[in-house]
Amino acid sequence: MTTKTIGILSASIRENGNNTGLLSFINNILKPVTTASDSIKVVQLDPYALNLGPILDPVISQGVKDPSKYKFENTREWSKSVAACDAFIVVSPQYNWGIPGSFKTVLDHLFWEWKGKPCTIVTYGGHGGTKCHAHLVEVLGGGFKMNLVGGAKITLPEEYIKGEKRVGKGEDDWLKEYEADVRESFDKLVAAL
């Protein structure tokens, strides 16, 4: 049996945000499944470490089917990382009723590497990141023609948004109500592989 790789993409680079804790929460849910299976591997993708910056390639990504034709080495590296994944889990906060701008740029550096692959979306914010979720459905499902399955919307308590509290290692009691949604989304993602 071939091992399938699922890439987790963090849409946030904010250092003092809730994303790190939510990634831990999601990884804690996935760990028993991935540990028990030789056929599923989950990897954390970090496009921000590549310093992709603004899109400066002379040809739009939809016009580049051969990754060696990307002008910049960091884009070619990003292409390899994404192409190596069979499916994705996107974890994103809602910023001003949408997705973080830096994440949209990270996505737009590529096209064919995303196209048709299964993806589940986990958003969070004051109302579960519903506007961000809808925006990602349009971008990933419409623009990149990804196969969207499942999905979860996590509503953060106000003190985690406007106050000093942050999601710790994903063990906050209020997160328990979202475990079933995340697990079901992951199961649907695996079934789509």
N, C-alpha and C. Protein backbone atom coordinates (compact mmCIF):
# COMPACT_ATOMS: atom_id res chain seq x y z
N MET A 1 0.84 -1.18 0.00
CA MET A 1 0.00 0.00 0.00
C MET A 1 0.89 1.25 0.00
N THR A 2 0.53 2.21 -0.80
CA THR A 2 1.28 3.45 -0.92
C THR A 2 0.92 4.39 0.23
N THR A 3 1.94 5.03 0.79
CA THR A 3 1.70 6.01 1.84
C THR A 3 1.25 7.32 1.23
N LYS A 4 0.17 7.87 1.74
CA LYS A 4 -0.37 9.16 1.29
C LYS A 4 0.06 10.24 2.27
N THR A 5 0.45 11.37 1.74
CA THR A 5 0.91 12.48 2.57
C THR A 5 -0.12 13.59 2.61
N ILE A 6 -0.49 13.98 3.83
CA ILE A 6 -1.41 15.10 4.04
C ILE A 6 -0.61 16.26 4.63
N GLY A 7 -0.65 17.39 3.95
CA GLY A 7 0.06 18.57 4.41
C GLY A 7 -0.85 19.49 5.20
N ILE A 8 -0.39 19.91 6.36
CA ILE A 8 -1.13 20.90 7.15
C ILE A 8 -0.53 22.27 6.85
N LEU A 9 -1.39 23.17 6.42
CA LEU A 9 -0.99 24.54 6.09
C LEU A 9 -1.53 25.52 7.10
N SER A 10 -0.66 26.23 7.75
CA SER A 10 -1.05 27.27 8.69
C SER A 10 -1.12 28.59 7.93
N ALA A 11 -2.27 29.23 7.99
CA ALA A 11 -2.46 30.50 7.26
C ALA A 11 -1.95 31.69 8.05
N SER A 12 -1.56 31.48 9.29
CA SER A 12 -1.15 32.59 10.15
C SER A 12 0.34 32.52 10.48
N ILE A 13 0.97 33.68 10.43
CA ILE A 13 2.38 33.74 10.86
C ILE A 13 2.51 34.57 12.13
N ARG A 14 1.38 34.95 12.70
CA ARG A 14 1.40 35.73 13.94
C ARG A 14 2.02 34.91 15.05
N GLU A 15 3.04 35.45 15.68
CA GLU A 15 3.76 34.69 16.72
C GLU A 15 2.98 34.57 18.02
N ASN A 16 2.21 35.55 18.37
CA ASN A 16 1.48 35.51 19.63
C ASN A 16 -0.01 35.26 19.38
N GLY A 17 -0.31 34.46 18.36
CA GLY A 17 -1.70 34.18 18.03
C GLY A 17 -2.17 32.85 18.59
N ASN A 18 -3.32 32.42 18.12
CA ASN A 18 -3.92 31.17 18.57
C ASN A 18 -3.59 30.00 17.66
N ASN A 19 -2.96 30.28 16.54
CA ASN A 19 -2.74 29.25 15.53
C ASN A 19 -1.88 28.09 16.02
N THR A 20 -0.81 28.38 16.74
CA THR A 20 0.07 27.32 17.22
C THR A 20 -0.69 26.35 18.11
N GLY A 21 -1.49 26.88 19.02
CA GLY A 21 -2.29 26.02 19.90
C GLY A 21 -3.34 25.23 19.13
N LEU A 22 -3.95 25.85 18.13
CA LEU A 22 -4.95 25.14 17.34
C LEU A 22 -4.31 24.06 16.47
N LEU A 23 -3.11 24.30 15.99
CA LEU A 23 -2.40 23.25 15.26
C LEU A 23 -2.10 22.07 16.18
N SER A 24 -1.74 22.35 17.43
CA SER A 24 -1.52 21.28 18.41
C SER A 24 -2.81 20.50 18.66
N PHE A 25 -3.92 21.23 18.79
CA PHE A 25 -5.23 20.61 18.98
C PHE A 25 -5.54 19.65 17.84
N ILE A 26 -5.33 20.10 16.61
CA ILE A 26 -5.61 19.27 15.44
C ILE A 26 -4.66 18.08 15.38
N ASN A 27 -3.38 18.30 15.63
CA ASN A 27 -2.41 17.20 15.62
C ASN A 27 -2.72 16.17 16.70
N ASN A 28 -3.20 16.62 17.86
CA ASN A 28 -3.58 15.69 18.93
C ASN A 28 -4.72 14.79 18.49
N ILE A 29 -5.64 15.32 17.70
CA ILE A 29 -6.77 14.53 17.20
C ILE A 29 -6.30 13.55 16.14
N LEU A 30 -5.39 13.99 15.28
CA LEU A 30 -4.94 13.15 14.16
C LEU A 30 -3.94 12.08 14.58
N LYS A 31 -3.21 12.34 15.64
CA LYS A 31 -2.11 11.44 16.05
C LYS A 31 -2.52 9.97 16.18
N PRO A 32 -3.62 9.64 16.88
CA PRO A 32 -3.97 8.22 17.01
C PRO A 32 -4.23 7.56 15.65
N VAL A 33 -4.82 8.31 14.73
CA VAL A 33 -5.12 7.76 13.41
C VAL A 33 -3.84 7.55 12.61
N THR A 34 -2.98 8.55 12.61
CA THR A 34 -1.76 8.46 11.81
C THR A 34 -0.74 7.50 12.42
N THR A 35 -0.74 7.38 13.73
CA THR A 35 0.17 6.45 14.40
C THR A 35 -0.22 5.00 14.09
N ALA A 36 -1.50 4.75 13.99
CA ALA A 36 -2.00 3.40 13.74
C ALA A 36 -1.95 3.00 12.27
N SER A 37 -1.63 3.93 11.40
CA SER A 37 -1.68 3.66 9.96
C SER A 37 -0.31 3.86 9.30
N ASP A 38 0.07 2.89 8.50
CA ASP A 38 1.28 3.03 7.70
C ASP A 38 0.99 3.73 6.38
N SER A 39 -0.29 3.92 6.09
CA SER A 39 -0.67 4.46 4.79
C SER A 39 -0.92 5.97 4.80
N ILE A 40 -0.91 6.61 5.98
CA ILE A 40 -1.16 8.05 6.08
C ILE A 40 -0.02 8.71 6.85
N LYS A 41 0.53 9.76 6.26
CA LYS A 41 1.57 10.55 6.91
C LYS A 41 1.11 12.01 6.88
N VAL A 42 1.24 12.70 8.00
CA VAL A 42 0.87 14.11 8.09
C VAL A 42 2.15 14.93 8.27
N VAL A 43 2.30 15.96 7.45
CA VAL A 43 3.46 16.85 7.54
C VAL A 43 3.01 18.29 7.68
N GLN A 44 3.76 19.06 8.42
CA GLN A 44 3.50 20.49 8.57
C GLN A 44 4.28 21.23 7.49
N LEU A 45 3.58 21.96 6.66
CA LEU A 45 4.24 22.76 5.61
C LEU A 45 4.45 24.17 6.14
N ASP A 46 5.62 24.73 5.86
CA ASP A 46 5.92 26.09 6.33
C ASP A 46 6.39 26.96 5.16
N PRO A 47 5.43 27.48 4.41
CA PRO A 47 5.82 28.31 3.27
C PRO A 47 6.50 29.60 3.67
N TYR A 48 6.23 30.08 4.87
CA TYR A 48 6.78 31.36 5.31
C TYR A 48 8.29 31.28 5.52
N ALA A 49 8.80 30.08 5.79
CA ALA A 49 10.25 29.91 5.96
C ALA A 49 10.99 30.11 4.64
N LEU A 50 10.26 30.03 3.53
CA LEU A 50 10.88 30.19 2.21
C LEU A 50 10.95 31.65 1.76
N ASN A 51 10.36 32.54 2.55
CA ASN A 51 10.35 33.97 2.19
C ASN A 51 9.88 34.19 0.75
N LEU A 52 8.72 33.66 0.44
CA LEU A 52 8.20 33.75 -0.92
C LEU A 52 7.94 35.20 -1.35
N GLY A 53 7.44 36.00 -0.43
CA GLY A 53 7.19 37.40 -0.76
C GLY A 53 6.16 37.58 -1.86
N PRO A 54 6.14 38.77 -2.46
CA PRO A 54 5.15 39.03 -3.51
C PRO A 54 5.43 38.18 -4.75
N ILE A 55 4.42 38.01 -5.55
CA ILE A 55 4.56 37.20 -6.76
C ILE A 55 5.23 38.03 -7.84
N LEU A 56 6.45 37.62 -8.21
CA LEU A 56 7.23 38.36 -9.20
C LEU A 56 7.56 37.52 -10.43
N ASP A 57 7.12 36.25 -10.44
CA ASP A 57 7.36 35.42 -11.62
C ASP A 57 6.74 36.09 -12.85
N PRO A 58 7.42 36.08 -13.99
CA PRO A 58 6.90 36.74 -15.18
C PRO A 58 5.69 36.04 -15.80
N VAL A 59 5.48 34.76 -15.47
CA VAL A 59 4.35 34.00 -16.00
C VAL A 59 3.43 33.64 -14.83
N ILE A 60 2.11 33.80 -14.99
CA ILE A 60 1.20 33.43 -13.91
C ILE A 60 1.32 31.94 -13.63
N SER A 61 1.05 31.56 -12.41
CA SER A 61 1.26 30.16 -11.99
C SER A 61 0.44 29.18 -12.82
N GLN A 62 -0.71 29.58 -13.28
CA GLN A 62 -1.54 28.69 -14.09
C GLN A 62 -0.86 28.38 -15.43
N GLY A 63 0.08 29.21 -15.84
CA GLY A 63 0.80 28.99 -17.08
C GLY A 63 2.09 28.20 -16.92
N VAL A 64 2.37 27.73 -15.69
CA VAL A 64 3.62 27.00 -15.43
C VAL A 64 3.29 25.57 -15.01
N LYS A 65 3.37 24.64 -15.97
CA LYS A 65 3.12 23.24 -15.65
C LYS A 65 4.39 22.50 -15.26
N ASP A 66 5.53 23.03 -15.66
CA ASP A 66 6.82 22.44 -15.32
C ASP A 66 7.46 23.30 -14.23
N PRO A 67 7.50 22.78 -12.98
CA PRO A 67 8.02 23.58 -11.86
C PRO A 67 9.43 24.13 -12.06
N SER A 68 10.23 23.49 -12.90
CA SER A 68 11.58 24.00 -13.14
C SER A 68 11.54 25.34 -13.87
N LYS A 69 10.39 25.69 -14.40
CA LYS A 69 10.24 26.95 -15.15
C LYS A 69 9.91 28.14 -14.26
N TYR A 70 9.65 27.88 -12.96
CA TYR A 70 9.47 29.02 -12.05
C TYR A 70 10.77 29.78 -12.00
N LYS A 71 10.71 31.08 -12.04
CA LYS A 71 11.91 31.91 -12.10
C LYS A 71 12.75 31.83 -10.83
N PHE A 72 12.08 31.73 -9.67
CA PHE A 72 12.79 31.83 -8.40
C PHE A 72 12.91 30.48 -7.69
N GLU A 73 14.07 30.27 -7.10
CA GLU A 73 14.34 29.00 -6.40
C GLU A 73 13.36 28.75 -5.26
N ASN A 74 13.02 29.79 -4.50
CA ASN A 74 12.09 29.56 -3.37
C ASN A 74 10.71 29.12 -3.87
N THR A 75 10.29 29.60 -5.03
CA THR A 75 9.02 29.14 -5.61
C THR A 75 9.14 27.69 -6.05
N ARG A 76 10.27 27.31 -6.62
CA ARG A 76 10.50 25.91 -7.02
C ARG A 76 10.49 24.99 -5.80
N GLU A 77 11.08 25.45 -4.69
CA GLU A 77 11.07 24.66 -3.45
C GLU A 77 9.65 24.51 -2.90
N TRP A 78 8.90 25.59 -2.94
CA TRP A 78 7.51 25.56 -2.48
C TRP A 78 6.70 24.60 -3.35
N SER A 79 6.94 24.64 -4.64
CA SER A 79 6.27 23.74 -5.57
C SER A 79 6.54 22.28 -5.22
N LYS A 80 7.78 21.95 -4.92
CA LYS A 80 8.15 20.57 -4.55
C LYS A 80 7.42 20.12 -3.29
N SER A 81 7.36 21.02 -2.30
CA SER A 81 6.71 20.68 -1.03
C SER A 81 5.22 20.41 -1.23
N VAL A 82 4.58 21.25 -2.00
CA VAL A 82 3.13 21.10 -2.24
C VAL A 82 2.85 19.89 -3.12
N ALA A 83 3.64 19.72 -4.17
CA ALA A 83 3.44 18.59 -5.09
C ALA A 83 3.63 17.24 -4.38
N ALA A 84 4.43 17.21 -3.32
CA ALA A 84 4.68 15.97 -2.58
C ALA A 84 3.50 15.55 -1.72
N CYS A 85 2.52 16.44 -1.56
CA CYS A 85 1.35 16.13 -0.73
C CYS A 85 0.19 15.66 -1.60
N ASP A 86 -0.57 14.72 -1.04
CA ASP A 86 -1.73 14.17 -1.74
C ASP A 86 -3.02 14.88 -1.34
N ALA A 87 -2.99 15.57 -0.20
CA ALA A 87 -4.17 16.26 0.31
C ALA A 87 -3.70 17.30 1.33
N PHE A 88 -4.64 18.18 1.74
CA PHE A 88 -4.26 19.28 2.63
C PHE A 88 -5.32 19.55 3.69
N ILE A 89 -4.83 20.03 4.83
CA ILE A 89 -5.68 20.61 5.88
C ILE A 89 -5.23 22.05 6.00
N VAL A 90 -6.13 22.99 5.73
CA VAL A 90 -5.81 24.41 5.84
C VAL A 90 -6.39 24.91 7.15
N VAL A 91 -5.55 25.53 7.97
CA VAL A 91 -5.97 26.07 9.26
C VAL A 91 -5.77 27.58 9.21
N SER A 92 -6.89 28.33 9.32
CA SER A 92 -6.79 29.78 9.11
C SER A 92 -7.63 30.58 10.09
N PRO A 93 -7.05 31.68 10.58
CA PRO A 93 -7.85 32.64 11.34
C PRO A 93 -8.62 33.51 10.35
N GLN A 94 -9.64 34.17 10.85
CA GLN A 94 -10.34 35.16 10.04
C GLN A 94 -9.75 36.53 10.33
N TYR A 95 -9.30 37.20 9.29
CA TYR A 95 -8.78 38.57 9.42
C TYR A 95 -9.69 39.49 8.64
N ASN A 96 -10.36 40.40 9.33
CA ASN A 96 -11.20 41.39 8.66
C ASN A 96 -12.13 40.78 7.61
N TRP A 97 -12.81 39.73 8.00
CA TRP A 97 -13.82 39.04 7.19
C TRP A 97 -13.23 38.25 6.03
N GLY A 98 -11.97 37.89 6.11
CA GLY A 98 -11.36 37.13 5.02
C GLY A 98 -10.16 36.35 5.49
N ILE A 99 -9.38 35.86 4.51
CA ILE A 99 -8.18 35.11 4.83
C ILE A 99 -7.00 36.07 4.96
N PRO A 100 -5.98 35.70 5.72
CA PRO A 100 -4.80 36.55 5.81
C PRO A 100 -4.19 36.78 4.43
N GLY A 101 -3.87 38.03 4.13
CA GLY A 101 -3.31 38.38 2.83
C GLY A 101 -2.04 37.63 2.51
N SER A 102 -1.18 37.44 3.51
CA SER A 102 0.07 36.72 3.27
C SER A 102 -0.20 35.28 2.83
N PHE A 103 -1.27 34.68 3.35
CA PHE A 103 -1.60 33.31 2.97
C PHE A 103 -2.13 33.24 1.54
N LYS A 104 -2.91 34.22 1.15
CA LYS A 104 -3.42 34.25 -0.24
C LYS A 104 -2.24 34.31 -1.20
N THR A 105 -1.24 35.10 -0.87
CA THR A 105 -0.05 35.18 -1.72
C THR A 105 0.68 33.85 -1.78
N VAL A 106 0.80 33.18 -0.64
CA VAL A 106 1.45 31.86 -0.59
C VAL A 106 0.72 30.89 -1.52
N LEU A 107 -0.60 30.92 -1.50
CA LEU A 107 -1.38 30.05 -2.37
C LEU A 107 -1.15 30.39 -3.84
N ASP A 108 -1.18 31.68 -4.15
CA ASP A 108 -1.14 32.14 -5.54
C ASP A 108 0.20 31.94 -6.24
N HIS A 109 1.24 31.61 -5.50
CA HIS A 109 2.53 31.33 -6.14
C HIS A 109 2.44 30.09 -7.02
N LEU A 110 1.46 29.22 -6.76
CA LEU A 110 1.32 27.95 -7.48
C LEU A 110 -0.10 27.80 -8.02
N PHE A 111 -0.29 26.85 -8.91
CA PHE A 111 -1.63 26.51 -9.36
C PHE A 111 -1.77 25.00 -9.54
N TRP A 112 -1.02 24.43 -10.46
CA TRP A 112 -1.19 23.01 -10.79
C TRP A 112 -0.89 22.10 -9.61
N GLU A 113 -0.06 22.55 -8.70
CA GLU A 113 0.29 21.74 -7.53
C GLU A 113 -0.91 21.57 -6.60
N TRP A 114 -1.88 22.49 -6.65
CA TRP A 114 -3.09 22.42 -5.82
C TRP A 114 -4.23 21.71 -6.53
N LYS A 115 -4.31 21.89 -7.83
CA LYS A 115 -5.50 21.52 -8.60
C LYS A 115 -5.94 20.08 -8.38
N GLY A 116 -7.23 19.94 -8.04
CA GLY A 116 -7.87 18.64 -7.91
C GLY A 116 -7.58 17.87 -6.64
N LYS A 117 -6.69 18.35 -5.80
CA LYS A 117 -6.34 17.60 -4.59
C LYS A 117 -7.39 17.81 -3.50
N PRO A 118 -7.65 16.77 -2.69
CA PRO A 118 -8.59 16.91 -1.57
C PRO A 118 -8.06 17.89 -0.51
N CYS A 119 -8.99 18.61 0.10
CA CYS A 119 -8.62 19.60 1.11
C CYS A 119 -9.76 19.76 2.09
N THR A 120 -9.43 19.89 3.35
CA THR A 120 -10.42 20.28 4.34
C THR A 120 -9.96 21.59 4.97
N ILE A 121 -10.93 22.42 5.35
CA ILE A 121 -10.66 23.76 5.86
C ILE A 121 -11.08 23.84 7.32
N VAL A 122 -10.18 24.31 8.18
CA VAL A 122 -10.49 24.57 9.58
C VAL A 122 -10.24 26.05 9.81
N THR A 123 -11.31 26.79 10.11
CA THR A 123 -11.17 28.22 10.37
C THR A 123 -11.54 28.52 11.81
N TYR A 124 -11.08 29.68 12.26
CA TYR A 124 -11.41 30.09 13.61
C TYR A 124 -11.51 31.61 13.70
N GLY A 125 -12.30 32.03 14.68
CA GLY A 125 -12.51 33.45 14.90
C GLY A 125 -13.68 33.64 15.84
N GLY A 126 -14.16 34.88 15.91
CA GLY A 126 -15.25 35.20 16.82
C GLY A 126 -16.54 34.46 16.52
N HIS A 127 -16.76 34.13 15.28
CA HIS A 127 -17.95 33.37 14.87
C HIS A 127 -17.54 32.15 14.07
N GLY A 128 -16.43 31.56 14.46
CA GLY A 128 -15.94 30.37 13.77
C GLY A 128 -15.19 30.67 12.49
N GLY A 129 -14.94 31.93 12.24
CA GLY A 129 -14.26 32.29 11.00
C GLY A 129 -15.10 32.00 9.77
N THR A 130 -16.42 32.19 9.89
CA THR A 130 -17.32 31.82 8.79
C THR A 130 -17.05 32.59 7.49
N LYS A 131 -16.71 33.86 7.58
CA LYS A 131 -16.41 34.64 6.37
C LYS A 131 -15.11 34.15 5.73
N CYS A 132 -14.14 33.85 6.57
CA CYS A 132 -12.87 33.30 6.10
C CYS A 132 -13.10 31.94 5.44
N HIS A 133 -13.93 31.12 6.07
CA HIS A 133 -14.24 29.79 5.54
C HIS A 133 -14.86 29.93 4.15
N ALA A 134 -15.83 30.83 4.02
CA ALA A 134 -16.48 31.04 2.72
C ALA A 134 -15.47 31.53 1.67
N HIS A 135 -14.58 32.42 2.09
CA HIS A 135 -13.55 32.94 1.18
C HIS A 135 -12.62 31.80 0.73
N LEU A 136 -12.21 30.95 1.65
CA LEU A 136 -11.35 29.82 1.29
C LEU A 136 -12.07 28.83 0.38
N VAL A 137 -13.36 28.62 0.59
CA VAL A 137 -14.13 27.75 -0.31
C VAL A 137 -14.07 28.30 -1.73
N GLU A 138 -14.23 29.62 -1.87
CA GLU A 138 -14.16 30.24 -3.20
C GLU A 138 -12.77 30.09 -3.81
N VAL A 139 -11.75 30.40 -3.04
CA VAL A 139 -10.38 30.38 -3.55
C VAL A 139 -9.92 28.95 -3.84
N LEU A 140 -10.06 28.05 -2.87
CA LEU A 140 -9.55 26.69 -3.02
C LEU A 140 -10.44 25.84 -3.92
N GLY A 141 -11.75 25.90 -3.67
CA GLY A 141 -12.67 25.08 -4.46
C GLY A 141 -12.94 25.64 -5.85
N GLY A 142 -13.09 26.96 -5.93
CA GLY A 142 -13.37 27.59 -7.21
C GLY A 142 -12.12 27.88 -8.01
N GLY A 143 -11.24 28.69 -7.44
CA GLY A 143 -10.03 29.10 -8.15
C GLY A 143 -9.05 27.99 -8.42
N PHE A 144 -8.79 27.15 -7.42
CA PHE A 144 -7.79 26.09 -7.57
C PHE A 144 -8.42 24.74 -7.90
N LYS A 145 -9.73 24.69 -7.95
CA LYS A 145 -10.46 23.46 -8.31
C LYS A 145 -10.08 22.28 -7.42
N MET A 146 -9.86 22.58 -6.13
CA MET A 146 -9.55 21.51 -5.18
C MET A 146 -10.84 20.79 -4.79
N ASN A 147 -10.71 19.56 -4.36
CA ASN A 147 -11.83 18.75 -3.91
C ASN A 147 -12.04 19.01 -2.42
N LEU A 148 -12.95 19.92 -2.08
CA LEU A 148 -13.16 20.29 -0.68
C LEU A 148 -14.06 19.28 0.01
N VAL A 149 -13.61 18.78 1.16
CA VAL A 149 -14.37 17.81 1.94
C VAL A 149 -14.36 18.23 3.41
N GLY A 150 -15.46 17.97 4.09
CA GLY A 150 -15.53 18.28 5.52
C GLY A 150 -15.31 19.74 5.80
N GLY A 151 -14.78 20.01 6.96
CA GLY A 151 -14.51 21.37 7.39
C GLY A 151 -14.98 21.60 8.80
N ALA A 152 -14.31 22.51 9.48
CA ALA A 152 -14.68 22.84 10.86
C ALA A 152 -14.52 24.34 11.07
N LYS A 153 -15.42 24.90 11.87
CA LYS A 153 -15.37 26.32 12.20
C LYS A 153 -15.34 26.43 13.72
N ILE A 154 -14.22 26.92 14.23
CA ILE A 154 -14.01 26.99 15.68
C ILE A 154 -14.22 28.41 16.16
N THR A 155 -15.18 28.58 17.06
CA THR A 155 -15.46 29.88 17.64
C THR A 155 -14.60 30.10 18.86
N LEU A 156 -13.75 31.10 18.78
CA LEU A 156 -12.88 31.43 19.90
C LEU A 156 -13.63 32.26 20.93
N PRO A 157 -13.42 31.99 22.22
CA PRO A 157 -13.96 32.86 23.25
C PRO A 157 -13.37 34.27 23.10
N GLU A 158 -14.12 35.28 23.47
CA GLU A 158 -13.70 36.67 23.27
C GLU A 158 -12.34 36.99 23.87
N GLU A 159 -12.06 36.40 25.04
CA GLU A 159 -10.77 36.69 25.69
C GLU A 159 -9.58 36.13 24.91
N TYR A 160 -9.83 35.21 23.97
CA TYR A 160 -8.78 34.66 23.12
C TYR A 160 -8.57 35.53 21.87
N ILE A 161 -9.50 36.43 21.63
CA ILE A 161 -9.40 37.32 20.48
C ILE A 161 -8.93 38.71 20.92
N LYS A 162 -9.64 39.26 21.88
CA LYS A 162 -9.37 40.64 22.31
C LYS A 162 -8.51 40.73 23.55
N GLY A 163 -8.38 39.63 24.25
CA GLY A 163 -7.61 39.64 25.50
C GLY A 163 -6.24 39.02 25.34
N GLU A 164 -5.66 38.67 26.47
CA GLU A 164 -4.30 38.12 26.49
C GLU A 164 -4.26 36.59 26.38
N LYS A 165 -5.42 35.92 26.55
CA LYS A 165 -5.43 34.46 26.51
C LYS A 165 -5.16 33.95 25.09
N ARG A 166 -4.49 32.82 25.03
CA ARG A 166 -4.20 32.16 23.76
C ARG A 166 -4.42 30.66 23.93
N VAL A 167 -4.77 29.99 22.85
CA VAL A 167 -4.91 28.54 22.89
C VAL A 167 -3.54 27.96 23.23
N GLY A 168 -3.51 27.12 24.26
CA GLY A 168 -2.25 26.55 24.71
C GLY A 168 -1.78 25.43 23.81
N LYS A 169 -1.70 24.25 24.36
CA LYS A 169 -1.24 23.09 23.58
C LYS A 169 -2.42 22.31 23.03
N GLY A 170 -3.53 23.01 22.85
CA GLY A 170 -4.71 22.38 22.28
C GLY A 170 -5.52 21.58 23.27
N GLU A 171 -5.30 21.82 24.56
CA GLU A 171 -6.00 21.06 25.58
C GLU A 171 -7.04 21.88 26.34
N ASP A 172 -7.34 23.07 25.82
CA ASP A 172 -8.34 23.92 26.46
C ASP A 172 -9.70 23.22 26.45
N ASP A 173 -10.40 23.24 27.58
CA ASP A 173 -11.67 22.51 27.72
C ASP A 173 -12.70 22.90 26.67
N TRP A 174 -12.80 24.19 26.35
CA TRP A 174 -13.82 24.64 25.40
C TRP A 174 -13.61 24.09 23.99
N LEU A 175 -12.41 23.59 23.68
CA LEU A 175 -12.13 23.02 22.36
C LEU A 175 -12.78 21.65 22.16
N LYS A 176 -13.14 20.98 23.26
CA LYS A 176 -13.69 19.62 23.16
C LYS A 176 -14.90 19.54 22.24
N GLU A 177 -15.70 20.61 22.21
CA GLU A 177 -16.90 20.57 21.37
C GLU A 177 -16.58 20.54 19.88
N TYR A 178 -15.33 20.81 19.50
CA TYR A 178 -14.95 20.82 18.09
C TYR A 178 -14.19 19.57 17.65
N GLU A 179 -13.89 18.69 18.59
CA GLU A 179 -13.12 17.48 18.27
C GLU A 179 -13.82 16.62 17.23
N ALA A 180 -15.11 16.41 17.38
CA ALA A 180 -15.85 15.55 16.44
C ALA A 180 -15.83 16.13 15.03
N ASP A 181 -15.97 17.46 14.90
CA ASP A 181 -15.95 18.09 13.58
C ASP A 181 -14.59 17.91 12.90
N VAL A 182 -13.52 18.10 13.67
CA VAL A 182 -12.17 17.95 13.11
C VAL A 182 -11.92 16.49 12.73
N ARG A 183 -12.29 15.57 13.60
CA ARG A 183 -12.08 14.14 13.32
C ARG A 183 -12.88 13.71 12.09
N GLU A 184 -14.13 14.13 12.01
CA GLU A 184 -14.97 13.78 10.86
C GLU A 184 -14.40 14.36 9.56
N SER A 185 -13.91 15.58 9.63
CA SER A 185 -13.31 16.21 8.45
C SER A 185 -12.07 15.44 8.00
N PHE A 186 -11.26 15.02 8.95
CA PHE A 186 -10.07 14.24 8.62
C PHE A 186 -10.45 12.90 8.00
N ASP A 187 -11.48 12.25 8.56
CA ASP A 187 -11.94 10.98 8.00
C ASP A 187 -12.41 11.15 6.56
N LYS A 188 -13.12 12.24 6.29
CA LYS A 188 -13.59 12.52 4.92
C LYS A 188 -12.41 12.80 3.99
N LEU A 189 -11.40 13.48 4.52
CA LEU A 189 -10.22 13.78 3.72
C LEU A 189 -9.49 12.49 3.34
N VAL A 190 -9.32 11.60 4.31
CA VAL A 190 -8.66 10.32 4.05
C VAL A 190 -9.48 9.50 3.05
N ALA A 191 -10.80 9.52 3.18
CA ALA A 191 -11.66 8.77 2.25
C ALA A 191 -11.56 9.32 0.83
N ALA A 192 -11.24 10.59 0.70
CA ALA A 192 -11.13 11.22 -0.63
C ALA A 192 -9.81 10.92 -1.32
N LEU A 193 -8.86 10.34 -0.59
CA LEU A 193 -7.55 10.05 -1.19
C LEU A 193 -7.61 8.88 -2.16
